N, C-alpha and C. Protein backbone atom coordinates (compact mmCIF):
# COMPACT_ATOMS: atom_id res chain seq x y z
N MET A 1 129.12 -6.94 5.69
CA MET A 1 129.18 -7.89 4.83
C MET A 1 130.33 -7.52 3.75
N TYR A 2 131.00 -8.61 3.38
CA TYR A 2 132.13 -8.28 2.46
C TYR A 2 131.78 -8.17 1.13
N THR A 3 132.29 -6.93 0.47
CA THR A 3 132.29 -6.62 -0.74
C THR A 3 133.47 -5.93 -1.16
N LYS A 4 133.23 -5.55 -2.51
CA LYS A 4 134.38 -4.84 -3.15
C LYS A 4 135.17 -3.86 -2.54
N GLN A 5 134.21 -3.03 -2.02
CA GLN A 5 134.39 -1.94 -1.06
C GLN A 5 135.36 -1.97 -0.15
N THR A 6 134.96 -3.28 0.85
CA THR A 6 135.55 -3.56 2.00
C THR A 6 137.46 -3.72 1.99
N LYS A 7 137.73 -3.93 0.74
CA LYS A 7 138.88 -4.27 0.57
C LYS A 7 139.95 -3.11 0.92
N ASP A 8 139.16 -1.99 0.97
CA ASP A 8 140.01 -0.65 1.25
C ASP A 8 140.17 -0.52 2.66
N VAL A 9 139.44 -1.20 3.64
CA VAL A 9 139.45 -0.57 4.94
C VAL A 9 140.50 -1.26 5.46
N ILE A 10 141.05 -0.72 6.52
CA ILE A 10 142.11 -1.13 7.38
C ILE A 10 141.50 -0.88 8.91
N GLY A 11 141.70 -2.15 9.66
CA GLY A 11 141.21 -1.92 11.06
C GLY A 11 140.89 -3.46 11.35
N ASP A 12 140.34 -3.39 12.87
CA ASP A 12 140.13 -4.70 13.50
C ASP A 12 138.44 -5.12 13.19
N TYR A 13 138.26 -5.59 11.99
CA TYR A 13 136.72 -5.90 11.72
C TYR A 13 136.88 -7.42 11.38
N VAL A 14 135.68 -7.99 11.54
CA VAL A 14 135.57 -9.53 10.95
C VAL A 14 134.65 -9.11 9.78
N TYR A 15 134.70 -9.68 8.57
CA TYR A 15 134.00 -9.44 7.52
C TYR A 15 133.08 -10.59 7.37
N LEU A 16 132.12 -10.57 7.34
CA LEU A 16 130.83 -11.64 7.20
C LEU A 16 130.39 -11.89 6.03
N VAL A 17 130.39 -13.12 5.44
CA VAL A 17 129.80 -13.34 4.18
C VAL A 17 128.91 -14.58 4.34
N ARG A 18 128.12 -14.75 3.24
CA ARG A 18 127.07 -15.65 3.52
C ARG A 18 127.82 -17.11 3.05
N PRO A 19 127.34 -18.21 3.28
CA PRO A 19 128.23 -19.53 3.14
C PRO A 19 128.45 -20.03 1.84
N GLU A 20 127.58 -19.66 0.73
CA GLU A 20 127.86 -19.76 -0.44
C GLU A 20 129.10 -18.95 -0.97
N GLU A 21 129.49 -17.85 -0.47
CA GLU A 21 130.67 -16.98 -0.77
C GLU A 21 131.86 -17.08 -0.12
N TYR A 22 131.73 -18.00 0.92
CA TYR A 22 133.05 -18.35 1.81
C TYR A 22 134.43 -18.88 1.01
N LYS A 23 133.96 -19.71 0.17
CA LYS A 23 135.14 -20.28 -0.29
C LYS A 23 135.77 -19.34 -1.44
N LYS A 24 134.99 -18.59 -2.08
CA LYS A 24 135.80 -17.64 -3.23
C LYS A 24 136.53 -16.58 -2.22
N VAL A 25 135.89 -16.11 -1.30
CA VAL A 25 136.70 -14.84 -0.47
C VAL A 25 137.63 -15.38 0.44
N LYS A 26 137.78 -16.67 0.89
CA LYS A 26 138.59 -16.86 1.99
C LYS A 26 139.87 -17.03 1.31
N GLY A 27 140.02 -17.60 0.22
CA GLY A 27 141.56 -17.59 -0.41
C GLY A 27 141.93 -16.13 -1.12
N ASN A 28 140.85 -15.40 -1.15
CA ASN A 28 141.50 -14.11 -1.88
C ASN A 28 141.71 -12.76 -1.20
N THR A 29 141.75 -13.06 0.26
CA THR A 29 141.86 -11.96 1.32
C THR A 29 143.07 -12.26 2.42
N THR A 30 143.20 -11.21 2.94
CA THR A 30 144.24 -11.42 4.38
C THR A 30 143.35 -10.93 5.58
N LEU A 31 142.24 -10.47 5.14
CA LEU A 31 141.11 -10.16 6.28
C LEU A 31 140.44 -11.18 6.76
N GLU A 32 140.39 -11.02 8.10
CA GLU A 32 139.58 -12.03 8.84
C GLU A 32 138.00 -12.28 8.45
N ILE A 33 137.65 -13.32 7.93
CA ILE A 33 136.51 -13.61 7.63
C ILE A 33 135.64 -14.58 8.54
N GLY A 34 134.43 -14.13 8.47
CA GLY A 34 133.60 -14.97 9.46
C GLY A 34 132.24 -15.48 8.57
N VAL A 35 131.32 -16.24 8.89
CA VAL A 35 130.34 -16.52 8.15
C VAL A 35 129.07 -16.14 9.04
N LEU A 36 128.08 -15.65 8.20
CA LEU A 36 126.61 -15.23 8.76
C LEU A 36 125.80 -16.34 8.10
N TYR A 37 125.36 -17.18 9.07
CA TYR A 37 124.72 -18.55 8.86
C TYR A 37 123.21 -18.46 9.14
N GLU A 38 122.38 -18.61 8.25
CA GLU A 38 120.90 -18.43 8.67
C GLU A 38 120.18 -19.60 7.91
N PRO A 39 120.25 -20.65 8.60
CA PRO A 39 119.49 -22.03 8.27
C PRO A 39 118.19 -21.97 7.83
N LYS A 40 117.65 -22.69 7.24
CA LYS A 40 116.13 -22.60 6.81
C LYS A 40 115.36 -23.72 7.59
N SER A 41 116.36 -24.69 7.92
CA SER A 41 115.78 -25.86 8.59
C SER A 41 116.87 -26.15 9.93
N GLY A 42 116.37 -27.22 10.46
CA GLY A 42 117.31 -27.49 11.71
C GLY A 42 118.30 -28.20 11.46
N ASP A 43 118.82 -28.56 10.15
CA ASP A 43 119.96 -29.27 9.88
C ASP A 43 121.32 -28.43 9.76
N LEU A 44 121.80 -28.55 10.70
CA LEU A 44 123.20 -27.78 10.91
C LEU A 44 124.53 -28.62 10.55
N ASN A 45 124.46 -29.71 9.53
CA ASN A 45 125.70 -30.27 9.28
C ASN A 45 126.82 -29.46 8.29
N GLU A 46 125.99 -28.27 7.46
CA GLU A 46 126.78 -27.60 6.65
C GLU A 46 127.91 -26.87 7.56
N LEU A 47 127.58 -26.69 8.72
CA LEU A 47 128.74 -25.69 9.73
C LEU A 47 130.06 -26.37 9.76
N LYS A 48 129.96 -27.86 9.79
CA LYS A 48 131.41 -28.62 9.79
C LYS A 48 132.66 -28.05 8.99
N LYS A 49 132.24 -27.47 7.79
CA LYS A 49 133.36 -27.20 6.68
C LYS A 49 133.82 -25.80 6.78
N PHE A 50 133.28 -24.99 7.73
CA PHE A 50 133.79 -23.80 8.18
C PHE A 50 134.71 -23.64 9.16
N ASP A 51 135.88 -23.17 9.13
CA ASP A 51 136.71 -22.92 10.29
C ASP A 51 137.25 -21.35 10.37
N CYS A 52 136.10 -20.73 11.02
CA CYS A 52 136.12 -19.33 11.34
C CYS A 52 134.90 -18.84 12.14
N VAL A 53 134.90 -17.71 12.58
CA VAL A 53 133.79 -17.22 13.20
C VAL A 53 132.27 -17.70 12.41
N ILE A 54 131.63 -18.30 13.38
CA ILE A 54 130.19 -18.08 12.61
C ILE A 54 129.25 -17.69 13.61
N ILE A 55 128.35 -16.94 12.93
CA ILE A 55 127.49 -15.97 13.70
C ILE A 55 126.18 -16.38 12.97
N GLY A 56 125.10 -17.04 14.02
CA GLY A 56 123.83 -17.83 13.50
C GLY A 56 122.93 -16.82 13.61
N LYS A 57 121.99 -16.71 12.69
CA LYS A 57 120.90 -15.77 12.44
C LYS A 57 119.55 -16.40 12.60
N ALA A 58 118.65 -16.35 13.46
CA ALA A 58 117.07 -17.13 13.38
C ALA A 58 116.25 -16.47 14.03
N THR A 59 115.21 -16.58 13.56
CA THR A 59 113.79 -16.13 14.37
C THR A 59 112.97 -17.14 14.62
N ASN A 60 113.25 -18.25 14.17
CA ASN A 60 112.38 -19.34 14.63
C ASN A 60 112.89 -19.88 15.86
N GLU A 61 112.08 -20.31 16.96
CA GLU A 61 112.60 -20.51 18.22
C GLU A 61 113.37 -21.92 17.91
N LYS A 62 112.79 -22.87 17.06
CA LYS A 62 113.46 -24.19 17.37
C LYS A 62 114.95 -24.18 16.78
N ILE A 63 114.89 -23.49 15.54
CA ILE A 63 116.23 -23.41 14.71
C ILE A 63 117.58 -22.27 15.90
N LEU A 64 116.88 -21.42 16.54
CA LEU A 64 117.61 -20.79 17.32
C LEU A 64 118.18 -21.53 18.58
N ARG A 65 117.61 -22.51 18.86
CA ARG A 65 117.75 -23.32 20.08
C ARG A 65 119.06 -23.97 19.42
N LYS A 66 118.56 -24.74 18.23
CA LYS A 66 119.77 -25.61 17.86
C LYS A 66 121.11 -24.71 17.40
N LEU A 67 120.98 -23.65 17.26
CA LEU A 67 122.21 -22.60 16.87
C LEU A 67 122.80 -22.30 18.07
N ILE A 68 122.34 -22.05 19.10
CA ILE A 68 122.81 -21.72 20.22
C ILE A 68 123.41 -23.00 21.02
N GLU A 69 122.91 -24.14 20.66
CA GLU A 69 123.69 -25.41 21.36
C GLU A 69 124.63 -26.03 20.36
N HIS A 70 125.00 -25.65 19.29
CA HIS A 70 126.05 -25.85 18.39
C HIS A 70 127.45 -25.36 18.67
N LYS A 71 128.26 -26.23 18.69
CA LYS A 71 129.69 -25.89 19.54
C LYS A 71 130.61 -24.91 18.39
N LYS A 72 130.27 -24.83 17.08
CA LYS A 72 131.08 -24.08 16.31
C LYS A 72 130.61 -22.63 16.17
N VAL A 73 129.07 -22.41 16.42
CA VAL A 73 128.80 -20.85 16.68
C VAL A 73 129.07 -20.16 17.78
N TYR A 74 129.51 -19.10 17.33
CA TYR A 74 130.15 -17.83 18.31
C TYR A 74 129.23 -17.06 18.85
N GLY A 75 128.08 -16.89 18.29
CA GLY A 75 126.96 -16.18 18.58
C GLY A 75 125.80 -16.16 17.82
N VAL A 76 124.52 -15.48 18.31
CA VAL A 76 123.38 -15.50 17.59
C VAL A 76 123.01 -13.86 17.54
N THR A 77 122.17 -13.76 16.20
CA THR A 77 121.64 -12.51 16.13
C THR A 77 120.47 -12.78 15.46
N GLY A 78 119.64 -11.63 15.27
CA GLY A 78 118.66 -11.34 14.51
C GLY A 78 117.12 -12.10 15.23
N ILE A 79 117.26 -12.07 16.39
CA ILE A 79 116.04 -12.92 17.24
C ILE A 79 114.93 -12.09 17.21
N GLU A 80 115.08 -10.59 17.36
CA GLU A 80 113.79 -9.92 16.98
C GLU A 80 113.49 -9.26 15.89
N THR A 81 112.29 -8.95 15.47
CA THR A 81 112.06 -8.77 14.46
C THR A 81 111.08 -7.25 14.74
N ASP A 82 110.52 -6.62 13.72
CA ASP A 82 109.38 -5.50 13.93
C ASP A 82 108.35 -5.96 13.15
N ARG A 83 108.29 -7.19 12.91
CA ARG A 83 107.02 -7.60 12.52
C ARG A 83 106.13 -8.45 13.23
N GLY A 84 104.73 -8.39 13.06
CA GLY A 84 103.85 -9.07 14.06
C GLY A 84 103.33 -8.04 15.06
N ARG A 85 102.03 -8.84 15.80
CA ARG A 85 101.50 -7.89 16.77
C ARG A 85 101.96 -8.25 17.81
N GLU A 86 101.81 -7.28 19.01
CA GLU A 86 102.12 -7.49 20.25
C GLU A 86 101.08 -8.29 20.93
N HIS A 87 101.31 -8.86 21.80
CA HIS A 87 100.24 -9.38 22.83
C HIS A 87 99.88 -8.64 23.87
N THR A 88 98.68 -8.94 24.75
CA THR A 88 98.27 -7.84 25.53
C THR A 88 98.83 -7.72 26.62
N HIS A 89 99.87 -8.70 27.09
CA HIS A 89 100.47 -8.67 28.20
C HIS A 89 102.13 -8.81 28.08
N TYR A 90 102.79 -8.93 27.12
CA TYR A 90 104.00 -9.11 26.72
C TYR A 90 104.45 -8.77 25.13
N ARG A 91 105.44 -8.53 25.03
CA ARG A 91 106.00 -8.36 23.40
C ARG A 91 106.17 -9.63 23.04
N ARG A 92 106.16 -9.73 21.73
CA ARG A 92 106.62 -10.87 21.02
C ARG A 92 108.02 -10.71 20.59
N SER A 93 109.16 -10.77 21.35
CA SER A 93 110.25 -10.50 21.04
C SER A 93 111.39 -11.86 20.52
N ASN A 94 110.57 -13.02 20.67
CA ASN A 94 111.18 -14.33 20.46
C ASN A 94 112.23 -14.66 21.39
N MET A 95 112.50 -14.14 22.52
CA MET A 95 113.37 -14.45 23.38
C MET A 95 112.27 -14.67 24.98
N ASN A 96 112.79 -15.75 25.65
CA ASN A 96 112.48 -15.84 26.96
C ASN A 96 113.56 -16.58 27.67
N GLN A 97 113.38 -16.63 28.96
CA GLN A 97 114.32 -16.88 29.75
C GLN A 97 114.88 -18.05 29.64
N VAL A 98 114.49 -19.30 29.01
CA VAL A 98 114.92 -20.44 28.77
C VAL A 98 116.04 -20.11 27.64
N ILE A 99 115.70 -19.55 26.70
CA ILE A 99 116.87 -19.10 25.80
C ILE A 99 117.88 -18.25 26.23
N ALA A 100 117.53 -17.32 27.23
CA ALA A 100 118.50 -16.57 27.61
C ALA A 100 119.60 -17.61 28.69
N LYS A 101 118.97 -18.23 29.28
CA LYS A 101 119.70 -19.46 30.08
C LYS A 101 120.64 -20.35 29.11
N MET A 102 119.84 -20.63 27.98
CA MET A 102 120.82 -21.38 27.29
C MET A 102 121.94 -20.50 26.69
N ILE A 103 121.81 -19.46 26.36
CA ILE A 103 123.22 -18.54 25.78
C ILE A 103 124.05 -18.59 26.95
N LYS A 104 123.83 -18.45 28.18
CA LYS A 104 124.72 -18.29 29.45
C LYS A 104 125.21 -19.73 29.26
N ASP A 105 124.82 -20.71 29.44
CA ASP A 105 125.08 -22.06 29.72
C ASP A 105 126.16 -22.70 28.56
N ASN A 106 125.90 -22.14 27.23
CA ASN A 106 126.53 -22.61 26.30
C ASN A 106 127.75 -21.23 25.83
N ASN A 107 127.84 -20.41 26.91
CA ASN A 107 128.94 -19.57 26.40
C ASN A 107 128.86 -18.84 24.95
N LYS A 108 127.81 -18.42 24.60
CA LYS A 108 127.45 -17.70 23.42
C LYS A 108 127.14 -16.50 23.61
N ILE A 109 127.37 -15.67 22.36
CA ILE A 109 127.21 -13.89 22.68
C ILE A 109 126.13 -13.77 21.80
N TYR A 110 125.02 -12.82 22.51
CA TYR A 110 123.91 -12.09 21.84
C TYR A 110 124.30 -11.33 21.08
N ILE A 111 124.33 -10.79 19.48
CA ILE A 111 124.61 -9.76 18.84
C ILE A 111 123.71 -8.72 18.55
N LEU A 112 123.32 -7.51 18.66
CA LEU A 112 122.36 -6.79 18.10
C LEU A 112 123.11 -6.22 16.56
N ASP A 113 122.04 -6.43 15.79
CA ASP A 113 122.19 -6.01 14.43
C ASP A 113 121.67 -4.56 14.27
N PHE A 114 122.61 -3.73 14.24
CA PHE A 114 122.53 -2.26 14.32
C PHE A 114 122.09 -1.58 13.16
N LYS A 115 122.31 -2.34 11.79
CA LYS A 115 121.92 -1.93 10.54
C LYS A 115 120.33 -2.18 10.70
N TYR A 116 120.08 -3.52 10.98
CA TYR A 116 118.45 -3.72 11.27
C TYR A 116 117.72 -2.53 12.01
N LEU A 117 118.35 -2.00 13.17
CA LEU A 117 117.76 -1.20 13.94
C LEU A 117 117.81 0.11 13.34
N LEU A 118 118.93 0.69 12.66
CA LEU A 118 118.69 1.87 12.14
C LEU A 118 117.80 1.85 10.74
N ASN A 119 117.71 0.94 10.14
CA ASN A 119 116.92 0.72 8.72
C ASN A 119 115.33 0.59 9.02
N SER A 120 115.18 0.06 10.29
CA SER A 120 113.38 -0.36 10.48
C SER A 120 112.63 0.81 10.25
N LYS A 121 111.63 0.34 9.82
CA LYS A 121 110.34 1.29 9.74
C LYS A 121 109.59 1.31 10.89
N LYS A 122 109.70 0.24 11.62
CA LYS A 122 108.78 0.46 12.86
C LYS A 122 109.74 0.25 14.22
N ARG A 123 110.78 1.33 13.97
CA ARG A 123 111.85 1.54 15.12
C ARG A 123 111.40 1.36 16.52
N GLY A 124 110.20 2.16 16.92
CA GLY A 124 109.82 1.99 18.51
C GLY A 124 109.44 0.66 18.71
N LYS A 125 108.72 -0.27 17.78
CA LYS A 125 108.59 -1.38 18.25
C LYS A 125 109.56 -2.08 18.59
N LEU A 126 110.50 -2.28 17.44
CA LEU A 126 112.01 -2.89 17.68
C LEU A 126 112.85 -2.74 18.98
N ILE A 127 112.63 -1.29 19.23
CA ILE A 127 113.54 -0.78 20.48
C ILE A 127 112.91 -1.65 21.63
N GLY A 128 111.41 -1.62 21.67
CA GLY A 128 110.78 -2.05 22.93
C GLY A 128 111.00 -3.75 22.69
N ARG A 129 111.01 -4.25 21.71
CA ARG A 129 111.62 -5.91 21.84
C ARG A 129 113.05 -6.03 22.24
N ILE A 130 114.06 -4.86 21.74
CA ILE A 130 115.30 -5.30 22.11
C ILE A 130 115.27 -5.16 23.73
N LEU A 131 114.77 -3.90 24.37
CA LEU A 131 114.87 -3.59 25.76
C LEU A 131 114.30 -4.92 26.57
N GLN A 132 113.32 -5.42 26.13
CA GLN A 132 112.57 -6.93 26.73
C GLN A 132 113.68 -7.61 26.87
N ASN A 133 114.42 -8.24 25.47
CA ASN A 133 115.23 -9.12 25.39
C ASN A 133 116.62 -8.67 26.17
N THR A 134 116.81 -7.45 26.19
CA THR A 134 118.17 -7.02 27.32
C THR A 134 117.97 -7.40 28.52
N LYS A 135 116.62 -7.16 29.14
CA LYS A 135 116.32 -7.55 30.51
C LYS A 135 116.45 -9.01 30.74
N PHE A 136 116.00 -9.92 29.86
CA PHE A 136 116.32 -11.35 30.03
C PHE A 136 117.90 -11.77 30.31
N LEU A 137 118.80 -10.91 29.17
CA LEU A 137 119.86 -11.31 28.94
C LEU A 137 120.84 -10.78 30.00
N ASN A 138 120.40 -9.56 30.94
CA ASN A 138 121.12 -8.97 31.81
C ASN A 138 120.59 -9.89 33.21
N LYS A 139 119.63 -10.62 33.23
CA LYS A 139 119.17 -11.29 34.45
C LYS A 139 119.90 -12.54 34.77
N TYR A 140 120.28 -13.06 33.45
CA TYR A 140 121.29 -14.21 33.30
C TYR A 140 122.81 -14.20 33.22
N ARG A 141 123.12 -12.87 33.11
CA ARG A 141 124.41 -12.39 33.10
C ARG A 141 124.79 -12.88 31.53
N CYS A 142 124.46 -12.71 30.54
CA CYS A 142 124.99 -13.24 29.22
C CYS A 142 125.82 -12.26 28.56
N LYS A 143 126.36 -12.75 27.82
CA LYS A 143 127.52 -11.52 27.14
C LYS A 143 126.78 -11.08 26.02
N THR A 144 126.77 -9.84 25.80
CA THR A 144 126.34 -8.94 24.69
C THR A 144 127.19 -8.27 23.90
N GLY A 145 126.74 -8.27 22.60
CA GLY A 145 127.38 -7.39 21.75
C GLY A 145 126.53 -6.64 20.64
N ILE A 146 127.30 -5.69 19.99
CA ILE A 146 126.50 -4.87 19.10
C ILE A 146 127.71 -4.66 17.95
N ALA A 147 127.00 -4.86 16.72
CA ALA A 147 127.74 -4.97 15.44
C ALA A 147 126.97 -4.23 14.33
N THR A 148 127.60 -3.55 13.39
CA THR A 148 126.83 -2.76 12.30
C THR A 148 126.49 -3.64 11.21
N PHE A 149 126.92 -4.83 10.94
CA PHE A 149 126.64 -5.50 9.84
C PHE A 149 126.42 -4.76 8.53
N ALA A 150 127.55 -3.73 8.39
CA ALA A 150 127.45 -2.82 7.44
C ALA A 150 127.76 -3.32 6.01
N ASP A 151 127.20 -2.82 5.21
CA ASP A 151 127.39 -3.34 3.43
C ASP A 151 128.43 -2.57 2.77
N ASN A 152 128.99 -1.46 3.45
CA ASN A 152 130.10 -0.85 2.68
C ASN A 152 130.45 0.39 3.71
N ARG A 153 131.39 0.98 3.32
CA ARG A 153 132.30 1.97 4.59
C ARG A 153 131.44 2.81 5.17
N LEU A 154 130.26 3.54 4.51
CA LEU A 154 129.57 4.56 4.92
C LEU A 154 128.55 3.68 6.06
N GLY A 155 128.49 2.64 6.02
CA GLY A 155 127.62 2.21 7.16
C GLY A 155 128.43 1.73 8.52
N MET A 156 129.56 1.72 8.65
CA MET A 156 130.34 1.10 9.64
C MET A 156 130.40 2.53 10.53
N ARG A 157 130.47 2.07 11.97
CA ARG A 157 130.34 2.90 12.78
C ARG A 157 131.61 2.62 13.96
N LEU A 158 131.92 3.67 14.81
CA LEU A 158 133.29 3.74 15.82
C LEU A 158 132.54 2.59 16.76
N GLU A 159 133.61 2.09 17.21
CA GLU A 159 133.06 1.04 18.47
C GLU A 159 132.49 1.92 19.56
N ASP A 160 133.14 3.21 20.03
CA ASP A 160 132.53 3.90 21.25
C ASP A 160 131.14 4.17 20.81
N ASN A 161 130.69 4.51 19.78
CA ASN A 161 128.99 4.81 19.35
C ASN A 161 128.63 3.65 19.58
N LEU A 162 128.97 2.34 19.04
CA LEU A 162 128.09 1.26 19.32
C LEU A 162 127.92 0.81 20.93
N GLU A 163 129.10 0.86 21.56
CA GLU A 163 129.11 0.66 22.83
C GLU A 163 127.87 1.67 23.65
N ALA A 164 128.07 3.01 23.07
CA ALA A 164 127.12 4.04 23.81
C ALA A 164 125.63 3.61 23.65
N ILE A 165 125.26 3.23 22.24
CA ILE A 165 123.87 2.37 21.88
C ILE A 165 123.57 1.33 22.77
N GLY A 166 124.74 0.73 23.13
CA GLY A 166 124.40 -0.64 23.72
C GLY A 166 124.19 0.00 25.36
N ARG A 167 124.53 0.70 25.75
CA ARG A 167 124.54 1.09 27.19
C ARG A 167 123.07 1.68 27.19
N VAL A 168 122.91 2.62 26.25
CA VAL A 168 121.55 3.09 26.36
C VAL A 168 120.38 2.02 26.53
N LEU A 169 120.64 1.14 25.55
CA LEU A 169 119.65 -0.22 25.53
C LEU A 169 119.58 -0.87 26.62
N GLY A 170 120.41 -0.67 27.58
CA GLY A 170 120.77 -1.42 28.98
C GLY A 170 121.57 -2.75 28.71
N MET A 171 122.19 -2.64 27.91
CA MET A 171 123.30 -3.96 27.77
C MET A 171 124.47 -3.85 28.75
N LYS A 172 124.43 -4.61 29.77
CA LYS A 172 125.49 -4.81 30.75
C LYS A 172 126.43 -5.14 30.79
N LYS A 173 126.65 -6.29 30.12
CA LYS A 173 127.82 -7.29 29.81
C LYS A 173 128.25 -6.96 28.37
N LEU A 174 128.64 -6.17 27.68
CA LEU A 174 128.92 -6.11 26.41
C LEU A 174 130.47 -6.78 26.18
N ALA A 175 130.36 -7.58 25.36
CA ALA A 175 131.87 -8.52 24.98
C ALA A 175 132.76 -7.26 24.47
N LYS A 176 134.13 -7.62 24.93
CA LYS A 176 135.18 -6.61 24.43
C LYS A 176 135.88 -7.53 23.48
N PHE A 177 136.35 -7.00 22.46
CA PHE A 177 137.24 -7.90 21.38
C PHE A 177 138.58 -7.17 21.44
N GLU A 178 139.68 -7.76 21.37
CA GLU A 178 140.87 -7.07 21.80
C GLU A 178 141.30 -6.27 20.55
N GLU A 179 141.94 -5.35 21.01
CA GLU A 179 142.33 -4.60 19.89
C GLU A 179 143.67 -4.96 19.40
N LYS A 180 144.03 -4.79 18.16
CA LYS A 180 145.04 -5.09 17.66
C LYS A 180 146.00 -4.20 16.88
N SER A 181 145.59 -3.02 17.25
CA SER A 181 146.69 -1.81 16.72
C SER A 181 146.66 -0.96 17.73
N ASN A 182 147.47 -0.21 17.85
CA ASN A 182 148.08 0.82 18.67
C ASN A 182 147.62 2.18 18.68
N LEU A 183 146.14 2.36 17.91
CA LEU A 183 145.64 3.57 17.61
C LEU A 183 144.72 3.86 18.83
N PRO A 184 144.44 4.96 19.19
CA PRO A 184 143.46 5.40 20.29
C PRO A 184 142.13 4.66 20.11
N LYS A 185 141.61 4.06 21.21
CA LYS A 185 140.40 3.40 21.24
C LYS A 185 139.08 4.02 20.11
N GLY A 186 138.56 3.06 19.30
CA GLY A 186 137.45 3.59 18.60
C GLY A 186 138.01 4.63 17.00
N VAL A 187 139.44 4.44 16.94
CA VAL A 187 140.00 5.21 15.78
C VAL A 187 140.28 4.02 14.95
N ARG A 188 139.72 4.09 13.74
CA ARG A 188 140.08 3.21 12.36
C ARG A 188 140.57 4.11 11.22
N ILE A 189 141.05 3.73 10.32
CA ILE A 189 141.97 4.12 9.26
C ILE A 189 140.90 3.98 8.28
N LEU A 190 140.61 4.47 7.44
CA LEU A 190 139.76 4.13 6.12
C LEU A 190 140.67 4.82 4.92
N GLU A 191 141.17 4.31 3.88
CA GLU A 191 141.92 4.70 2.98
C GLU A 191 140.78 4.82 1.60
N ASN A 192 140.93 6.13 1.17
CA ASN A 192 139.98 6.48 -0.10
C ASN A 192 140.65 5.70 -1.35
């Protein structure tokens, strides 16, 4: 997320802001800005006014489907949560084969929220749900990614570390973002 501390960071990052902060931040920075959009209802008309990367966040299946079908949304995140009880025969991970096929057909990216995974109180349950979602996504060869969603510089991780977590969780088709710098892979410069 974009805060005052992120102005000191140099590197290939997309800074996500809430929709209400977008206009304030867009004109005041040279950084690449994106929107983390979490709709409360199924009305997505608000997305027309953004001309940047839009990441949708939803745990409700109806809203998730609308986000996946929307043309301006780049990817989705926040599908699984650590709340709720498991069913006897399967995990309640909010992902099924229909949603995985929709992600593939609409050429979207599933993005894993590393900050949520790191700070979860029920990490074991969450990892189990992520593994189940990963099986569905791998079955349909969907693009996947992993992002830090860091609030400050201390929460950011190297790209190599995130890729390693993705491989451990079974993500086979990790989306690659083009490097804009001539630094070695995974190296970022942070100014104090």
